Amino acid sequence: MTSTEQPALPGTGVQRRTAPLVRCRECHRPLRAPESRWKRLGPHCATAPDRTMRYDIDQDPIPGT
């Protein structure tokens, strides 16, 4: 190194890698917003009402009716 060369800044020799692809848990679309990626829910899926479970059960009729 000669007196005219500047030493490299620390951390500049590190290669950048792309962020991993994160998809929505509900619709499986790719997410880009940091909050959506953290929650793993897209903007439309986060505001959607929660799903409710519905069970269709065959029942015997009540005697005497």
C-alpha atoms as a PDB file:
ATOM      1  CA  MET A   1       0.000   0.000   0.000  1.00  0.00           C
ATOM      2  CA  THR A   2       1.332   3.363  -0.950  1.00  0.00           C
ATOM      3  CA  SER A   3       0.643   6.628   0.815  1.00  0.00           C
ATOM      4  CA  THR A   4      -1.960   7.666  -1.803  1.00  0.00           C
ATOM      5  CA  GLU A   5      -4.191   4.579  -1.374  1.00  0.00           C
ATOM      6  CA  GLN A   6      -6.955   4.621   1.202  1.00  0.00           C
ATOM      7  CA  PRO A   7      -7.571   1.464   3.210  1.00  0.00           C
ATOM      8  CA  ALA A   8     -10.903  -0.227   2.544  1.00  0.00           C
ATOM      9  CA  LEU A   9     -13.684   0.606   4.958  1.00  0.00           C
ATOM     10  CA  PRO A  10     -14.593  -2.185   7.338  1.00  0.00           C
ATOM     11  CA  GLY A  11     -17.613  -4.163   6.157  1.00  0.00           C
ATOM     12  CA  THR A  12     -17.398  -3.064   2.524  1.00  0.00           C
ATOM     13  CA  GLY A  13     -15.895  -6.351   1.368  1.00  0.00           C
ATOM     14  CA  VAL A  14     -18.992  -8.289   2.427  1.00  0.00           C
ATOM     15  CA  GLN A  15     -21.228  -9.437  -0.395  1.00  0.00           C
ATOM     16  CA  ARG A  16     -24.890  -8.574  -0.010  1.00  0.00           C
ATOM     17  CA  ARG A  17     -27.400 -11.365  -0.259  1.00  0.00           C
ATOM     18  CA  THR A  18     -31.009 -11.030  -1.235  1.00  0.00           C
ATOM     19  CA  ALA A  19     -33.687 -11.287   1.408  1.00  0.00           C
ATOM     20  CA  PRO A  20     -35.446 -14.651   1.578  1.00  0.00           C
ATOM     21  CA  LEU A  21     -38.842 -14.931  -0.045  1.00  0.00           C
ATOM     22  CA  VAL A  22     -41.622 -14.763   2.561  1.00  0.00           C
ATOM     23  CA  ARG A  23     -45.166 -15.734   1.613  1.00  0.00           C
ATOM     24  CA  CYS A  24     -48.516 -15.039   3.254  1.00  0.00           C
ATOM     25  CA  ARG A  25     -49.870 -17.845   5.451  1.00  0.00           C
ATOM     26  CA  GLU A  26     -53.360 -17.482   3.969  1.00  0.00           C
ATOM     27  CA  CYS A  27     -53.086 -16.549   0.275  1.00  0.00           C
ATOM     28  CA  HIS A  28     -49.405 -17.515  -0.311  1.00  0.00           C
ATOM     29  CA  ARG A  29     -48.571 -14.269  -2.118  1.00  0.00           C
ATOM     30  CA  PRO A  30     -45.018 -12.907  -1.767  1.00  0.00           C
ATOM     31  CA  LEU A  31     -44.713 -10.253   0.969  1.00  0.00           C
ATOM     32  CA  ARG A  32     -42.526  -7.172   0.724  1.00  0.00           C
ATOM     33  CA  ALA A  33     -43.523  -4.844   3.584  1.00  0.00           C
ATOM     34  CA  PRO A  34     -41.458  -5.411   6.760  1.00  0.00           C
ATOM     35  CA  GLU A  35     -44.507  -5.623   9.046  1.00  0.00           C
ATOM     36  CA  SER A  36     -46.273  -8.048   6.702  1.00  0.00           C
ATOM     37  CA  ARG A  37     -43.146 -10.196   6.492  1.00  0.00           C
ATOM     38  CA  TRP A  38     -42.856 -10.251  10.288  1.00  0.00           C
ATOM     39  CA  LYS A  39     -46.522 -11.219  10.764  1.00  0.00           C
ATOM     40  CA  ARG A  40     -46.483 -13.482   7.681  1.00  0.00           C
ATOM     41  CA  LEU A  41     -49.856 -12.043   6.671  1.00  0.00           C
ATOM     42  CA  GLY A  42     -50.609  -9.885   3.649  1.00  0.00           C
ATOM     43  CA  PRO A  43     -52.498  -6.602   4.053  1.00  0.00           C
ATOM     44  CA  HIS A  44     -55.780  -8.111   2.816  1.00  0.00           C
ATOM     45  CA  CYS A  45     -55.467 -11.254   4.908  1.00  0.00           C
ATOM     46  CA  ALA A  46     -54.586  -9.355   8.095  1.00  0.00           C
ATOM     47  CA  THR A  47     -57.832  -7.340   7.948  1.00  0.00           C
ATOM     48  CA  ALA A  48     -60.014 -10.332   7.037  1.00  0.00           C
ATOM     49  CA  PRO A  49     -62.246 -11.733   9.785  1.00  0.00           C
ATOM     50  CA  ASP A  50     -61.028 -14.871  11.482  1.00  0.00           C
ATOM     51  CA  ARG A  51     -62.332 -18.122  10.122  1.00  0.00           C
ATOM     52  CA  THR A  52     -64.757 -20.023  12.299  1.00  0.00           C
ATOM     53  CA  MET A  53     -65.015 -23.767  12.411  1.00  0.00           C
ATOM     54  CA  ARG A  54     -68.371 -25.236  11.511  1.00  0.00           C
ATOM     55  CA  TYR A  55     -69.297 -28.812  12.213  1.00  0.00           C
ATOM     56  CA  ASP A  56     -72.290 -30.508  10.612  1.00  0.00           C
ATOM     57  CA  ILE A  57     -73.305 -33.320  12.943  1.00  0.00           C
ATOM     58  CA  ASP A  58     -76.120 -35.779  12.294  1.00  0.00           C
ATOM     59  CA  GLN A  59     -78.328 -35.927  15.362  1.00  0.00           C
ATOM     60  CA  ASP A  60     -81.241 -38.132  16.321  1.00  0.00           C
ATOM     61  CA  PRO A  61     -84.552 -36.309  16.645  1.00  0.00           C
ATOM     62  CA  ILE A  62     -85.689 -35.470  20.157  1.00  0.00           C
ATOM     63  CA  PRO A  63     -88.290 -38.020  21.294  1.00  0.00           C
ATOM     64  CA  GLY A  64     -91.835 -36.677  21.640  1.00  0.00           C
ATOM     65  CA  THR A  65     -91.521 -33.908  19.045  1.00  0.00           C
END
